[in-house]
């Protein structure tokens, strides 16, 4: 997931973000200077997107951990609502939807029927 950016541009952004951790203005300026297709405003916007994406991934991990714990504990309340905000963010800027999986074929379908 690259937030609609080219993989190489996103990788360079991540490299500078890691190298200058905690110095947002420095790594945004460095990235904008090195990437011809992106100005400082574009890099700052990508940085905000990436922060939001990371926060949603953390929420997803916590929800899965909580779900696994609740499955192991009989009678515990469950939250089965999908986090559509993360799915929307993953596809943001991608310009296309993920392909839908093909239905079960031949032998697997017959085996599932019994």
Protein backbone atom coordinates (compact mmCIF):
# COMPACT_ATOMS: atom_id res chain seq x y z
CA UNK A 1 0.00 0.00 0.00
CA UNK A 2 1.61 3.24 -1.15
CA UNK A 3 -1.20 5.79 -0.88
CA UNK A 4 -1.39 6.28 -4.62
CA UNK A 5 2.32 7.01 -4.95
CA UNK A 6 4.75 5.14 -7.16
CA UNK A 7 6.46 2.36 -5.18
CA UNK A 8 9.92 3.91 -5.61
CA UNK A 9 8.72 7.34 -4.47
CA UNK A 10 6.97 5.83 -1.45
CA UNK A 11 10.07 3.80 -0.57
CA UNK A 12 12.23 6.94 -0.69
CA UNK A 13 9.68 8.74 1.51
CA UNK A 14 9.84 5.89 4.04
CA UNK A 15 13.64 5.87 3.97
CA UNK A 16 13.83 9.60 4.81
CA UNK A 17 11.03 9.30 7.36
CA UNK A 18 13.01 6.58 9.16
CA UNK A 19 16.35 8.38 8.81
CA UNK A 20 15.02 11.69 10.18
CA UNK A 21 12.51 10.23 12.64
CA UNK A 22 10.76 12.91 14.65
CA UNK A 23 11.95 15.68 12.31
CA UNK A 24 8.87 15.92 10.10
CA UNK A 25 9.85 19.14 8.33
CA UNK A 26 13.35 17.81 7.54
CA UNK A 27 12.24 14.53 5.97
CA UNK A 28 9.37 16.18 4.08
CA UNK A 29 11.74 18.78 2.60
CA UNK A 30 14.36 16.13 1.78
CA UNK A 31 11.77 13.93 0.08
CA UNK A 32 10.31 16.86 -1.90
CA UNK A 33 13.80 17.89 -3.00
CA UNK A 34 14.68 14.41 -4.24
CA UNK A 35 11.35 13.57 -5.93
CA UNK A 36 10.69 15.69 -9.00
CA UNK A 37 6.99 14.72 -9.18
CA UNK A 38 6.16 15.83 -5.60
CA UNK A 39 6.32 19.26 -4.01
CA UNK A 40 6.44 19.91 -0.25
CA UNK A 41 2.62 20.10 0.04
CA UNK A 42 2.27 16.73 -1.71
CA UNK A 43 4.84 15.13 0.62
CA UNK A 44 3.18 16.60 3.71
CA UNK A 45 -0.18 15.27 2.53
CA UNK A 46 1.35 11.84 1.98
CA UNK A 47 2.85 12.02 5.46
CA UNK A 48 -0.59 12.73 6.98
CA UNK A 49 -2.06 9.84 4.96
CA UNK A 50 0.70 7.52 6.17
CA UNK A 51 0.18 8.52 9.83
CA UNK A 52 -3.54 7.81 9.50
CA UNK A 53 -2.87 4.51 7.74
CA UNK A 54 -0.48 3.39 10.49
CA UNK A 55 -3.02 4.33 13.19
CA UNK A 56 -5.73 2.31 11.43
CA UNK A 57 -3.41 -0.69 11.07
CA UNK A 58 -2.75 -0.53 14.81
CA UNK A 59 -6.51 -0.42 15.50
CA UNK A 60 -6.94 -3.41 13.21
CA UNK A 61 -4.26 -5.39 15.08
CA UNK A 62 -5.86 -4.53 18.42
CA UNK A 63 -9.32 -5.51 17.13
CA UNK A 64 -8.00 -8.87 15.90
CA UNK A 65 -6.24 -9.47 19.22
CA UNK A 66 -9.45 -8.62 21.08
CA UNK A 67 -11.51 -10.83 18.77
CA UNK A 68 -9.17 -13.78 19.30
CA UNK A 69 -9.37 -13.29 23.05
CA UNK A 70 -13.17 -13.12 22.96
CA UNK A 71 -13.33 -16.29 20.86
CA UNK A 72 -11.28 -18.09 23.47
CA UNK A 73 -13.61 -16.84 26.22
CA UNK A 74 -17.13 -18.31 25.86
CA UNK A 75 -19.96 -15.84 26.42
CA UNK A 76 -17.80 -12.74 25.88
CA UNK A 77 -19.34 -9.95 23.77
CA UNK A 78 -18.04 -9.74 20.22
CA UNK A 79 -17.67 -6.89 17.75
CA UNK A 80 -18.10 -8.34 14.27
CA UNK A 81 -18.39 -4.99 12.42
CA UNK A 82 -15.66 -4.67 9.77
CA UNK A 83 -13.43 -1.61 9.84
CA UNK A 84 -14.37 -0.17 6.46
CA UNK A 85 -12.26 2.95 7.09
CA UNK A 86 -9.07 0.88 6.75
CA UNK A 87 -10.31 -0.76 3.56
CA UNK A 88 -11.16 2.66 2.11
CA UNK A 89 -7.73 4.00 3.05
CA UNK A 90 -5.92 1.02 1.52
CA UNK A 91 -7.65 1.55 -1.81
CA UNK A 92 -7.33 5.37 -1.69
CA UNK A 93 -5.32 6.57 -4.64
CA UNK A 94 -4.99 3.10 -6.11
CA UNK A 95 -7.56 3.84 -8.82
CA UNK A 96 -8.89 0.31 -8.98
CA UNK A 97 -10.57 -2.28 -6.84
CA UNK A 98 -8.99 -5.57 -5.86
CA UNK A 99 -10.21 -8.47 -8.00
CA UNK A 100 -12.90 -10.63 -6.45
CA UNK A 101 -11.86 -14.20 -5.71
CA UNK A 102 -13.15 -16.84 -8.09
CA UNK A 103 -15.82 -19.16 -6.72
CA UNK A 104 -14.91 -22.63 -5.58
CA UNK A 105 -14.27 -24.84 -8.54
CA UNK A 106 -15.09 -28.43 -9.49
CA UNK A 107 -13.83 -30.92 -6.92
CA UNK A 108 -13.72 -28.48 -4.01
CA UNK A 109 -17.33 -27.48 -4.63
CA UNK A 110 -18.45 -31.10 -4.84
CA UNK A 111 -16.55 -31.94 -1.67
CA UNK A 112 -18.17 -28.99 0.12
CA UNK A 113 -21.63 -30.20 -0.89
CA UNK A 114 -21.05 -33.48 0.69
